[in-house]
Amino acid sequence: MIKIYHNPQCKKSRAGLQFLQGKGVKFEIVEYLKQLLTEKEVERLLVKLNKKPQEIVRTQEEYFKKSLKGKNFNDGEWIRILVQNPKLIQRPIVEAQYKAVIADPAENIDLLIK
């Protein structure tokens, strides 16, 4: 089952959702600002994305600029920061069984469903 980690307030996330809907595949929507992710879930997504935690951080967010910019954290600390501040997670993330992509641009979803 494909999952999209979605923020309805985000233009890019809405574009990813619309793209996925146009593909005619079954998927689940996870509004990750309401259904908060656990550390284990973030770790699983990172493995599927093949990325380090700091690579999925939205550096344009005000919290990042004020509290995190210029500081060094290890992977575990970044994961905890992302769990506690889910707005910092790039979006949307689309997850399949063995792989996930950041669907910005939305066409990245094609890497999962071809």
PDB file of N, CA and C in Angstrom:
ATOM      1  N   MET A   1       0.840  -1.185   0.000  1.00  0.00           N
ATOM      2  CA  MET A   1       0.000   0.000   0.000  1.00  0.00           C
ATOM      3  C   MET A   1       0.883   1.247   0.000  1.00  0.00           C
ATOM      4  N   ILE A   2       0.555   2.179  -0.845  1.00  0.00           N
ATOM      5  CA  ILE A   2       1.275   3.445  -0.926  1.00  0.00           C
ATOM      6  C   ILE A   2       0.687   4.398   0.110  1.00  0.00           C
ATOM      7  N   LYS A   3       1.572   5.165   0.746  1.00  0.00           N
ATOM      8  CA  LYS A   3       1.151   6.181   1.708  1.00  0.00           C
ATOM      9  C   LYS A   3       1.711   7.515   1.259  1.00  0.00           C
ATOM     10  N   ILE A   4       0.915   8.560   1.452  1.00  0.00           N
ATOM     11  CA  ILE A   4       1.423   9.911   1.236  1.00  0.00           C
ATOM     12  C   ILE A   4       1.358  10.642   2.567  1.00  0.00           C
ATOM     13  N   TYR A   5       2.494  11.156   2.987  1.00  0.00           N
ATOM     14  CA  TYR A   5       2.586  11.952   4.208  1.00  0.00           C
ATOM     15  C   TYR A   5       2.310  13.385   3.775  1.00  0.00           C
ATOM     16  N   HIS A   6       1.150  13.880   4.151  1.00  0.00           N
ATOM     17  CA  HIS A   6       0.537  15.044   3.525  1.00  0.00           C
ATOM     18  C   HIS A   6       0.231  16.145   4.530  1.00  0.00           C
ATOM     19  N   ASN A   7       0.427  17.380   4.089  1.00  0.00           N
ATOM     20  CA  ASN A   7       0.006  18.564   4.835  1.00  0.00           C
ATOM     21  C   ASN A   7      -0.932  19.343   3.914  1.00  0.00           C
ATOM     22  N   PRO A   8      -2.242  19.336   4.189  1.00  0.00           N
ATOM     23  CA  PRO A   8      -3.195  19.992   3.307  1.00  0.00           C
ATOM     24  C   PRO A   8      -2.963  21.494   3.141  1.00  0.00           C
ATOM     25  N   GLN A   9      -2.216  22.102   4.047  1.00  0.00           N
ATOM     26  CA  GLN A   9      -1.936  23.541   3.963  1.00  0.00           C
ATOM     27  C   GLN A   9      -0.811  23.864   2.983  1.00  0.00           C
ATOM     28  N   CYS A  10      -0.110  22.841   2.504  1.00  0.00           N
ATOM     29  CA  CYS A  10       1.076  23.031   1.669  1.00  0.00           C
ATOM     30  C   CYS A  10       0.742  22.832   0.189  1.00  0.00           C
ATOM     31  N   LYS A  11       1.085  23.805  -0.629  1.00  0.00           N
ATOM     32  CA  LYS A  11       0.822  23.754  -2.066  1.00  0.00           C
ATOM     33  C   LYS A  11       1.509  22.545  -2.710  1.00  0.00           C
ATOM     34  N   LYS A  12       2.761  22.297  -2.361  1.00  0.00           N
ATOM     35  CA  LYS A  12       3.508  21.169  -2.948  1.00  0.00           C
ATOM     36  C   LYS A  12       2.913  19.837  -2.518  1.00  0.00           C
ATOM     37  N   SER A  13       2.444  19.770  -1.282  1.00  0.00           N
ATOM     38  CA  SER A  13       1.825  18.548  -0.791  1.00  0.00           C
ATOM     39  C   SER A  13       0.501  18.290  -1.512  1.00  0.00           C
ATOM     40  N   ARG A  14      -0.277  19.345  -1.711  1.00  0.00           N
ATOM     41  CA  ARG A  14      -1.537  19.198  -2.454  1.00  0.00           C
ATOM     42  C   ARG A  14      -1.271  18.760  -3.895  1.00  0.00           C
ATOM     43  N   ALA A  15      -0.215  19.291  -4.506  1.00  0.00           N
ATOM     44  CA  ALA A  15       0.139  18.900  -5.873  1.00  0.00           C
ATOM     45  C   ALA A  15       0.526  17.423  -5.919  1.00  0.00           C
ATOM     46  N   GLY A  16       1.264  16.958  -4.914  1.00  0.00           N
ATOM     47  CA  GLY A  16       1.636  15.549  -4.846  1.00  0.00           C
ATOM     48  C   GLY A  16       0.425  14.651  -4.693  1.00  0.00           C
ATOM     49  N   LEU A  17      -0.508  15.062  -3.853  1.00  0.00           N
ATOM     50  CA  LEU A  17      -1.737  14.297  -3.647  1.00  0.00           C
ATOM     51  C   LEU A  17      -2.550  14.230  -4.943  1.00  0.00           C
ATOM     52  N   GLN A  18      -2.688  15.349  -5.615  1.00  0.00           N
ATOM     53  CA  GLN A  18      -3.441  15.393  -6.872  1.00  0.00           C
ATOM     54  C   GLN A  18      -2.781  14.497  -7.926  1.00  0.00           C
ATOM     55  N   PHE A  19      -1.452  14.534  -8.004  1.00  0.00           N
ATOM     56  CA  PHE A  19      -0.716  13.697  -8.951  1.00  0.00           C
ATOM     57  C   PHE A  19      -0.971  12.224  -8.656  1.00  0.00           C
ATOM     58  N   LEU A  20      -0.900  11.864  -7.393  1.00  0.00           N
ATOM     59  CA  LEU A  20      -1.123  10.479  -6.975  1.00  0.00           C
ATOM     60  C   LEU A  20      -2.552  10.044  -7.289  1.00  0.00           C
ATOM     61  N   GLN A  21      -3.519  10.910  -7.040  1.00  0.00           N
ATOM     62  CA  GLN A  21      -4.913  10.594  -7.346  1.00  0.00           C
ATOM     63  C   GLN A  21      -5.097  10.327  -8.841  1.00  0.00           C
ATOM     64  N   GLY A  22      -4.366  11.047  -9.668  1.00  0.00           N
ATOM     65  CA  GLY A  22      -4.452  10.877 -11.114  1.00  0.00           C
ATOM     66  C   GLY A  22      -3.852   9.581 -11.620  1.00  0.00           C
ATOM     67  N   LYS A  23      -3.099   8.897 -10.789  1.00  0.00           N
ATOM     68  CA  LYS A  23      -2.445   7.647 -11.189  1.00  0.00           C
ATOM     69  C   LYS A  23      -3.358   6.434 -11.039  1.00  0.00           C
ATOM     70  N   GLY A  24      -4.466   6.600 -10.335  1.00  0.00           N
ATOM     71  CA  GLY A  24      -5.417   5.501 -10.197  1.00  0.00           C
ATOM     72  C   GLY A  24      -4.932   4.341  -9.343  1.00  0.00           C
ATOM     73  N   VAL A  25      -4.045   4.619  -8.410  1.00  0.00           N
ATOM     74  CA  VAL A  25      -3.567   3.570  -7.498  1.00  0.00           C
ATOM     75  C   VAL A  25      -4.197   3.788  -6.128  1.00  0.00           C
ATOM     76  N   LYS A  26      -4.302   2.698  -5.372  1.00  0.00           N
ATOM     77  CA  LYS A  26      -4.803   2.811  -4.000  1.00  0.00           C
ATOM     78  C   LYS A  26      -3.700   3.390  -3.125  1.00  0.00           C
ATOM     79  N   PHE A  27      -4.103   4.301  -2.250  1.00  0.00           N
ATOM     80  CA  PHE A  27      -3.122   4.867  -1.327  1.00  0.00           C
ATOM     81  C   PHE A  27      -3.821   5.341  -0.066  1.00  0.00           C
ATOM     82  N   GLU A  28      -3.007   5.561   0.943  1.00  0.00           N
ATOM     83  CA  GLU A  28      -3.485   6.044   2.238  1.00  0.00           C
ATOM     84  C   GLU A  28      -2.885   7.432   2.466  1.00  0.00           C
ATOM     85  N   ILE A  29      -3.697   8.334   2.985  1.00  0.00           N
ATOM     86  CA  ILE A  29      -3.221   9.674   3.326  1.00  0.00           C
ATOM     87  C   ILE A  29      -2.902   9.715   4.816  1.00  0.00           C
ATOM     88  N   VAL A  30      -1.700  10.148   5.140  1.00  0.00           N
ATOM     89  CA  VAL A  30      -1.303  10.337   6.532  1.00  0.00           C
ATOM     90  C   VAL A  30      -1.053  11.832   6.719  1.00  0.00           C
ATOM     91  N   GLU A  31      -1.939  12.478   7.447  1.00  0.00           N
ATOM     92  CA  GLU A  31      -1.734  13.887   7.772  1.00  0.00           C
ATOM     93  C   GLU A  31      -0.803  13.938   8.976  1.00  0.00           C
ATOM     94  N   TYR A  32       0.484  14.001   8.682  1.00  0.00           N
ATOM     95  CA  TYR A  32       1.499  13.796   9.712  1.00  0.00           C
ATOM     96  C   TYR A  32       1.577  14.929  10.739  1.00  0.00           C
ATOM     97  N   LEU A  33       0.881  16.032  10.500  1.00  0.00           N
ATOM     98  CA  LEU A  33       0.819  17.060  11.537  1.00  0.00           C
ATOM     99  C   LEU A  33      -0.267  16.740  12.563  1.00  0.00           C
ATOM    100  N   LYS A  34      -1.211  15.856  12.187  1.00  0.00           N
ATOM    101  CA  LYS A  34      -2.261  15.394  13.102  1.00  0.00           C
ATOM    102  C   LYS A  34      -1.925  14.024  13.674  1.00  0.00           C
ATOM    103  N   GLN A  35      -1.482  13.099  12.804  1.00  0.00           N
ATOM    104  CA  GLN A  35      -1.063  11.753  13.216  1.00  0.00           C
ATOM    105  C   GLN A  35       0.458  11.788  13.328  1.00  0.00           C
ATOM    106  N   LEU A  36       0.956  12.209  14.472  1.00  0.00           N
ATOM    107  CA  LEU A  36       2.390  12.420  14.627  1.00  0.00           C
ATOM    108  C   LEU A  36       3.173  11.128  14.418  1.00  0.00           C
ATOM    109  N   LEU A  37       4.312  11.275  13.759  1.00  0.00           N
ATOM    110  CA  LEU A  37       5.174  10.125  13.483  1.00  0.00           C
ATOM    111  C   LEU A  37       6.009   9.795  14.714  1.00  0.00           C
ATOM    112  N   THR A  38       6.335   8.520  14.848  1.00  0.00           N
ATOM    113  CA  THR A  38       7.241   8.079  15.909  1.00  0.00           C
ATOM    114  C   THR A  38       8.675   8.117  15.378  1.00  0.00           C
ATOM    115  N   GLU A  39       9.621   7.992  16.285  1.00  0.00           N
ATOM    116  CA  GLU A  39      11.022   7.929  15.863  1.00  0.00           C
ATOM    117  C   GLU A  39      11.242   6.742  14.923  1.00  0.00           C
ATOM    118  N   LYS A  40      10.627   5.603  15.235  1.00  0.00           N
ATOM    119  CA  LYS A  40      10.785   4.402  14.389  1.00  0.00           C
ATOM    120  C   LYS A  40      10.230   4.655  12.983  1.00  0.00           C
ATOM    121  N   GLU A  41       9.098   5.335  12.890  1.00  0.00           N
ATOM    122  CA  GLU A  41       8.513   5.631  11.581  1.00  0.00           C
ATOM    123  C   GLU A  41       9.419   6.567  10.774  1.00  0.00           C
ATOM    124  N   VAL A  42       9.980   7.571  11.420  1.00  0.00           N
ATOM    125  CA  VAL A  42      10.903   8.478  10.733  1.00  0.00           C
ATOM    126  C   VAL A  42      12.141   7.708  10.279  1.00  0.00           C
ATOM    127  N   GLU A  43      12.669   6.836  11.137  1.00  0.00           N
ATOM    128  CA  GLU A  43      13.833   6.024  10.766  1.00  0.00           C
ATOM    129  C   GLU A  43      13.519   5.151   9.552  1.00  0.00           C
ATOM    130  N   ARG A  44      12.329   4.522   9.538  1.00  0.00           N
ATOM    131  CA  ARG A  44      11.939   3.677   8.404  1.00  0.00           C
ATOM    132  C   ARG A  44      11.853   4.492   7.120  1.00  0.00           C
ATOM    133  N   LEU A  45      11.257   5.668   7.204  1.00  0.00           N
ATOM    134  CA  LEU A  45      11.164   6.527   6.017  1.00  0.00           C
ATOM    135  C   LEU A  45      12.544   6.952   5.525  1.00  0.00           C
ATOM    136  N   LEU A  46      13.429   7.268   6.438  1.00  0.00           N
ATOM    137  CA  LEU A  46      14.780   7.667   6.049  1.00  0.00           C
ATOM    138  C   LEU A  46      15.498   6.547   5.302  1.00  0.00           C
ATOM    139  N   VAL A  47      15.334   5.317   5.767  1.00  0.00           N
ATOM    140  CA  VAL A  47      15.949   4.169   5.080  1.00  0.00           C
ATOM    141  C   VAL A  47      15.377   4.059   3.665  1.00  0.00           C
ATOM    142  N   LYS A  48      14.061   4.148   3.554  1.00  0.00           N
ATOM    143  CA  LYS A  48      13.421   4.027   2.236  1.00  0.00           C
ATOM    144  C   LYS A  48      13.769   5.200   1.323  1.00  0.00           C
ATOM    145  N   LEU A  49      13.991   6.371   1.913  1.00  0.00           N
ATOM    146  CA  LEU A  49      14.389   7.542   1.135  1.00  0.00           C
ATOM    147  C   LEU A  49      15.878   7.515   0.791  1.00  0.00           C
ATOM    148  N   ASN A  50      16.630   6.704   1.534  1.00  0.00           N
ATOM    149  CA  ASN A  50      18.088   6.672   1.424  1.00  0.00           C
ATOM    150  C   ASN A  50      18.670   8.063   1.715  1.00  0.00           C
ATOM    151  N   LYS A  51      18.197   8.643   2.820  1.00  0.00           N
ATOM    152  CA  LYS A  51      18.643   9.980   3.205  1.00  0.00           C
ATOM    153  C   LYS A  51      18.963  10.029   4.693  1.00  0.00           C
ATOM    154  N   LYS A  52      19.805  10.986   5.058  1.00  0.00           N
ATOM    155  CA  LYS A  52      20.099  11.290   6.449  1.00  0.00           C
ATOM    156  C   LYS A  52      19.009  12.238   6.958  1.00  0.00           C
ATOM    157  N   PRO A  53      18.763  12.251   8.260  1.00  0.00           N
ATOM    158  CA  PRO A  53      17.681  13.104   8.784  1.00  0.00           C
ATOM    159  C   PRO A  53      17.800  14.568   8.366  1.00  0.00           C
ATOM    160  N   GLN A  54      19.009  15.121   8.417  1.00  0.00           N
ATOM    161  CA  GLN A  54      19.156  16.539   8.092  1.00  0.00           C
ATOM    162  C   GLN A  54      18.874  16.844   6.617  1.00  0.00           C
ATOM    163  N   GLU A  55      18.854  15.804   5.774  1.00  0.00           N
ATOM    164  CA  GLU A  55      18.559  15.997   4.353  1.00  0.00           C
ATOM    165  C   GLU A  55      17.067  16.188   4.083  1.00  0.00           C
ATOM    166  N   ILE A  56      16.210  15.900   5.064  1.00  0.00           N
ATOM    167  CA  ILE A  56      14.768  16.082   4.846  1.00  0.00           C
ATOM    168  C   ILE A  56      14.224  17.239   5.676  1.00  0.00           C
ATOM    169  N   VAL A  57      15.113  18.074   6.187  1.00  0.00           N
ATOM    170  CA  VAL A  57      14.708  19.217   7.006  1.00  0.00           C
ATOM    171  C   VAL A  57      14.362  20.398   6.100  1.00  0.00           C
ATOM    172  N   ARG A  58      13.229  21.020   6.389  1.00  0.00           N
ATOM    173  CA  ARG A  58      12.814  22.240   5.688  1.00  0.00           C
ATOM    174  C   ARG A  58      13.530  23.420   6.342  1.00  0.00           C
ATOM    175  N   THR A  59      14.620  23.853   5.731  1.00  0.00           N
ATOM    176  CA  THR A  59      15.460  24.899   6.315  1.00  0.00           C
ATOM    177  C   THR A  59      14.836  26.292   6.223  1.00  0.00           C
ATOM    178  N   GLN A  60      13.760  26.446   5.453  1.00  0.00           N
ATOM    179  CA  GLN A  60      13.105  27.749   5.354  1.00  0.00           C
ATOM    180  C   GLN A  60      12.088  27.983   6.472  1.00  0.00           C
ATOM    181  N   GLU A  61      11.826  26.960   7.286  1.00  0.00           N
ATOM    182  CA  GLU A  61      10.897  27.122   8.410  1.00  0.00           C
ATOM    183  C   GLU A  61      11.496  28.054   9.465  1.00  0.00           C
ATOM    184  N   GLU A  62      10.629  28.869  10.037  1.00  0.00           N
ATOM    185  CA  GLU A  62      11.057  29.844  11.041  1.00  0.00           C
ATOM    186  C   GLU A  62      11.753  29.184  12.232  1.00  0.00           C
ATOM    187  N   TYR A  63      11.208  28.044  12.698  1.00  0.00           N
ATOM    188  CA  TYR A  63      11.820  27.357  13.848  1.00  0.00           C
ATOM    189  C   TYR A  63      13.258  26.939  13.529  1.00  0.00           C
ATOM    190  N   PHE A  64      13.472  26.452  12.312  1.00  0.00           N
ATOM    191  CA  PHE A  64      14.836  26.065  11.930  1.00  0.00           C
ATOM    192  C   PHE A  64      15.749  27.290  11.970  1.00  0.00           C
ATOM    193  N   LYS A  65      15.313  28.371  11.353  1.00  0.00           N
ATOM    194  CA  LYS A  65      16.140  29.577  11.258  1.00  0.00           C
ATOM    195  C   LYS A  65      16.493  30.131  12.635  1.00  0.00           C
ATOM    196  N   LYS A  66      15.512  30.114  13.550  1.00  0.00           N
ATOM    197  CA  LYS A  66      15.725  30.714  14.870  1.00  0.00           C
ATOM    198  C   LYS A  66      16.446  29.806  15.849  1.00  0.00           C
ATOM    199  N   SER A  67      16.177  28.486  15.766  1.00  0.00           N
ATOM    200  CA  SER A  67      16.657  27.594  16.825  1.00  0.00           C
ATOM    201  C   SER A  67      17.686  26.558  16.399  1.00  0.00           C
ATOM    202  N   LEU A  68      17.776  26.246  15.106  1.00  0.00           N
ATOM    203  CA  LEU A  68      18.610  25.115  14.704  1.00  0.00           C
ATOM    204  C   LEU A  68      19.747  25.473  13.748  1.00  0.00           C
ATOM    205  N   LYS A  69      19.567  26.517  12.969  1.00  0.00           N
ATOM    206  CA  LYS A  69      20.553  26.876  11.946  1.00  0.00           C
ATOM    207  C   LYS A  69      21.936  27.066  12.556  1.00  0.00           C
ATOM    208  N   GLY A  70      22.924  26.431  11.927  1.00  0.00           N
ATOM    209  CA  GLY A  70      24.301  26.562  12.372  1.00  0.00           C
ATOM    210  C   GLY A  70      24.698  25.620  13.494  1.00  0.00           C
ATOM    211  N   LYS A  71      23.750  24.842  13.997  1.00  0.00           N
ATOM    212  CA  LYS A  71      24.053  23.903  15.086  1.00  0.00           C
ATOM    213  C   LYS A  71      24.267  22.511  14.503  1.00  0.00           C
ATOM    214  N   ASN A  72      25.074  21.734  15.199  1.00  0.00           N
ATOM    215  CA  ASN A  72      25.351  20.362  14.762  1.00  0.00           C
ATOM    216  C   ASN A  72      24.620  19.377  15.664  1.00  0.00           C
ATOM    217  N   PHE A  73      23.937  18.431  15.014  1.00  0.00           N
ATOM    218  CA  PHE A  73      23.233  17.380  15.730  1.00  0.00           C
ATOM    219  C   PHE A  73      23.579  16.046  15.083  1.00  0.00           C
ATOM    220  N   ASN A  74      23.575  14.979  15.882  1.00  0.00           N
ATOM    221  CA  ASN A  74      23.774  13.650  15.298  1.00  0.00           C
ATOM    222  C   ASN A  74      22.434  13.156  14.745  1.00  0.00           C
ATOM    223  N   ASP A  75      22.445  12.020  14.055  1.00  0.00           N
ATOM    224  CA  ASP A  75      21.227  11.515  13.416  1.00  0.00           C
ATOM    225  C   ASP A  75      20.096  11.303  14.420  1.00  0.00           C
ATOM    226  N   GLY A  76      20.395  10.728  15.572  1.00  0.00           N
ATOM    227  CA  GLY A  76      19.370  10.485  16.581  1.00  0.00           C
ATOM    228  C   GLY A  76      18.743  11.779  17.076  1.00  0.00           C
ATOM    229  N   GLU A  77      19.568  12.795  17.266  1.00  0.00           N
ATOM    230  CA  GLU A  77      19.043  14.089  17.702  1.00  0.00           C
ATOM    231  C   GLU A  77      18.158  14.712  16.618  1.00  0.00           C
ATOM    232  N   TRP A  78      18.592  14.621  15.357  1.00  0.00           N
ATOM    233  CA  TRP A  78      17.774  15.148  14.254  1.00  0.00           C
ATOM    234  C   TRP A  78      16.432  14.425  14.189  1.00  0.00           C
ATOM    235  N   ILE A  79      16.446  13.122  14.358  1.00  0.00           N
ATOM    236  CA  ILE A  79      15.188  12.358  14.310  1.00  0.00           C
ATOM    237  C   ILE A  79      14.254  12.830  15.416  1.00  0.00           C
ATOM    238  N   ARG A  80      14.771  13.016  16.621  1.00  0.00           N
ATOM    239  CA  ARG A  80      13.942  13.514  17.725  1.00  0.00           C
ATOM    240  C   ARG A  80      13.404  14.919  17.407  1.00  0.00           C
ATOM    241  N   ILE A  81      14.243  15.761  16.837  1.00  0.00           N
ATOM    242  CA  ILE A  81      13.815  17.113  16.451  1.00  0.00           C
ATOM    243  C   ILE A  81      12.676  17.032  15.431  1.00  0.00           C
ATOM    244  N   LEU A  82      12.800  16.145  14.441  1.00  0.00           N
ATOM    245  CA  LEU A  82      11.759  16.008  13.420  1.00  0.00           C
ATOM    246  C   LEU A  82      10.458  15.476  14.007  1.00  0.00           C
ATOM    247  N   VAL A  83      10.555  14.532  14.935  1.00  0.00           N
ATOM    248  CA  VAL A  83       9.355  13.979  15.578  1.00  0.00           C
ATOM    249  C   VAL A  83       8.654  15.068  16.404  1.00  0.00           C
ATOM    250  N   GLN A  84       9.434  15.875  17.093  1.00  0.00           N
ATOM    251  CA  GLN A  84       8.860  16.922  17.949  1.00  0.00           C
ATOM    252  C   GLN A  84       8.393  18.147  17.156  1.00  0.00           C
ATOM    253  N   ASN A  85       8.926  18.310  15.940  1.00  0.00           N
ATOM    254  CA  ASN A  85       8.607  19.463  15.099  1.00  0.00           C
ATOM    255  C   ASN A  85       8.306  18.992  13.679  1.00  0.00           C
ATOM    256  N   PRO A  86       7.189  18.302  13.480  1.00  0.00           N
ATOM    257  CA  PRO A  86       6.926  17.684  12.176  1.00  0.00           C
ATOM    258  C   PRO A  86       6.824  18.667  11.012  1.00  0.00           C
ATOM    259  N   LYS A  87       6.588  19.946  11.296  1.00  0.00           N
ATOM    260  CA  LYS A  87       6.560  20.937  10.208  1.00  0.00           C
ATOM    261  C   LYS A  87       7.909  21.035   9.515  1.00  0.00           C
ATOM    262  N   LEU A  88       8.964  20.579  10.176  1.00  0.00           N
ATOM    263  CA  LEU A  88      10.307  20.636   9.594  1.00  0.00           C
ATOM    264  C   LEU A  88      10.532  19.557   8.530  1.00  0.00           C
ATOM    265  N   ILE A  89       9.647  18.574   8.445  1.00  0.00           N
ATOM    266  CA  ILE A  89       9.834  17.460   7.503  1.00  0.00           C
ATOM    267  C   ILE A  89       9.402  17.897   6.108  1.00  0.00           C
ATOM    268  N   GLN A  90      10.298  17.673   5.130  1.00  0.00           N
ATOM    269  CA  GLN A  90       9.953  17.982   3.738  1.00  0.00           C
ATOM    270  C   GLN A  90       8.702  17.221   3.343  1.00  0.00           C
ATOM    271  N   ARG A  91       7.940  17.812   2.444  1.00  0.00           N
ATOM    272  CA  ARG A  91       6.682  17.209   2.061  1.00  0.00           C
ATOM    273  C   ARG A  91       6.379  17.442   0.604  1.00  0.00           C
ATOM    274  N   PRO A  92       5.539  16.598   0.065  1.00  0.00           N
ATOM    275  CA  PRO A  92       5.042  15.363   0.669  1.00  0.00           C
ATOM    276  C   PRO A  92       6.055  14.241   0.503  1.00  0.00           C
ATOM    277  N   ILE A  93       6.001  13.283   1.399  1.00  0.00           N
ATOM    278  CA  ILE A  93       6.767  12.049   1.238  1.00  0.00           C
ATOM    279  C   ILE A  93       5.770  10.984   0.822  1.00  0.00           C
ATOM    280  N   VAL A  94       6.115  10.253  -0.221  1.00  0.00           N
ATOM    281  CA  VAL A  94       5.271   9.156  -0.684  1.00  0.00           C
ATOM    282  C   VAL A  94       6.064   7.873  -0.479  1.00  0.00           C
ATOM    283  N   GLU A  95       5.436   6.927   0.217  1.00  0.00           N
ATOM    284  CA  GLU A  95       6.105   5.689   0.623  1.00  0.00           C
ATOM    285  C   GLU A  95       5.431   4.487  -0.023  1.00  0.00           C
ATOM    286  N   ALA A  96       6.251   3.625  -0.610  1.00  0.00           N
ATOM    287  CA  ALA A  96       5.789   2.335  -1.118  1.00  0.00           C
ATOM    288  C   ALA A  96       6.407   1.248  -0.244  1.00  0.00           C
ATOM    289  N   GLN A  97       6.276   0.011  -0.668  1.00  0.00           N
ATOM    290  CA  GLN A  97       6.737  -1.097   0.172  1.00  0.00           C
ATOM    291  C   GLN A  97       8.235  -1.041   0.469  1.00  0.00           C
ATOM    292  N   TYR A  98       9.052  -0.764  -0.552  1.00  0.00           N
ATOM    293  CA  TYR A  98      10.507  -0.820  -0.358  1.00  0.00           C
ATOM    294  C   TYR A  98      11.214   0.511  -0.551  1.00  0.00           C
ATOM    295  N   LYS A  99      10.503   1.519  -0.994  1.00  0.00           N
ATOM    296  CA  LYS A  99      11.143   2.784  -1.326  1.00  0.00           C
ATOM    297  C   LYS A  99      10.196   3.931  -1.011  1.00  0.00           C
ATOM    298  N   ALA A 100      10.776   5.112  -0.818  1.00  0.00           N
ATOM    299  CA  ALA A 100       9.980   6.329  -0.625  1.00  0.00           C
ATOM    300  C   ALA A 100      10.664   7.454  -1.394  1.00  0.00           C
ATOM    301  N   VAL A 101       9.877   8.473  -1.735  1.00  0.00           N
ATOM    302  CA  VAL A 101      10.417   9.650  -2.419  1.00  0.00           C
ATOM    303  C   VAL A 101       9.817  10.903  -1.799  1.00  0.00           C
ATOM    304  N   ILE A 102      10.570  11.980  -1.893  1.00  0.00           N
ATOM    305  CA  ILE A 102      10.006  13.290  -1.592  1.00  0.00           C
ATOM    306  C   ILE A 102       9.395  13.756  -2.906  1.00  0.00           C
ATOM    307  N   ALA A 103       8.092  13.935  -2.910  1.00  0.00           N
ATOM    308  CA  ALA A 103       7.360  14.204  -4.150  1.00  0.00           C
ATOM    309  C   ALA A 103       7.348  15.693  -4.487  1.00  0.00           C
ATOM    310  N   ASP A 104       8.519  16.265  -4.543  1.00  0.00           N
ATOM    311  CA  ASP A 104       8.698  17.635  -4.988  1.00  0.00           C
ATOM    312  C   ASP A 104       9.865  17.646  -5.957  1.00  0.00           C
ATOM    313  N   PRO A 105       9.583  17.583  -7.252  1.00  0.00           N
ATOM    314  CA  PRO A 105       8.281  17.732  -7.894  1.00  0.00           C
ATOM    315  C   PRO A 105       7.436  16.454  -7.782  1.00  0.00           C
ATOM    316  N   ALA A 106       6.135  16.622  -8.004  1.00  0.00           N
ATOM    317  CA  ALA A 106       5.188  15.508  -7.874  1.00  0.00           C
ATOM    318  C   ALA A 106       5.543  14.336  -8.789  1.00  0.00           C
ATOM    319  N   GLU A 107       6.192  14.617  -9.898  1.00  0.00           N
ATOM    320  CA  GLU A 107       6.562  13.559 -10.848  1.00  0.00           C
ATOM    321  C   GLU A 107       7.512  12.533 -10.238  1.00  0.00           C
ATOM    322  N   ASN A 108       8.146  12.857  -9.128  1.00  0.00           N
ATOM    323  CA  ASN A 108       9.000  11.876  -8.441  1.00  0.00           C
ATOM    324  C   ASN A 108       8.209  10.634  -8.034  1.00  0.00           C
ATOM    325  N   ILE A 109       6.900  10.772  -7.897  1.00  0.00           N
ATOM    326  CA  ILE A 109       6.047   9.641  -7.529  1.00  0.00           C
ATOM    327  C   ILE A 109       6.149   8.530  -8.575  1.00  0.00           C
ATOM    328  N   ASP A 110       6.389   8.901  -9.820  1.00  0.00           N
ATOM    329  CA  ASP A 110       6.531   7.907 -10.878  1.00  0.00           C
ATOM    330  C   ASP A 110       7.640   6.899 -10.589  1.00  0.00           C
ATOM    331  N   LEU A 111       8.634   7.288  -9.796  1.00  0.00           N
ATOM    332  CA  LEU A 111       9.727   6.380  -9.429  1.00  0.00           C
ATOM    333  C   LEU A 111       9.221   5.206  -8.593  1.00  0.00           C
ATOM    334  N   LEU A 112       8.064   5.358  -7.975  1.00  0.00           N
ATOM    335  CA  LEU A 112       7.497   4.327  -7.119  1.00  0.00           C
ATOM    336  C   LEU A 112       6.470   3.438  -7.825  1.00  0.00           C
ATOM    337  N   ILE A 113       5.772   3.956  -8.806  1.00  0.00           N
ATOM    338  CA  ILE A 113       4.609   3.223  -9.323  1.00  0.00           C
ATOM    339  C   ILE A 113       4.749   2.824 -10.783  1.00  0.00           C
ATOM    340  N   LYS A 114       5.941   2.820 -11.303  1.00  0.00           N
ATOM    341  CA  LYS A 114       6.120   2.359 -12.689  1.00  0.00           C
ATOM    342  C   LYS A 114       6.118   0.861 -12.748  1.00  0.00           C
TER     343      LYS A 114
END
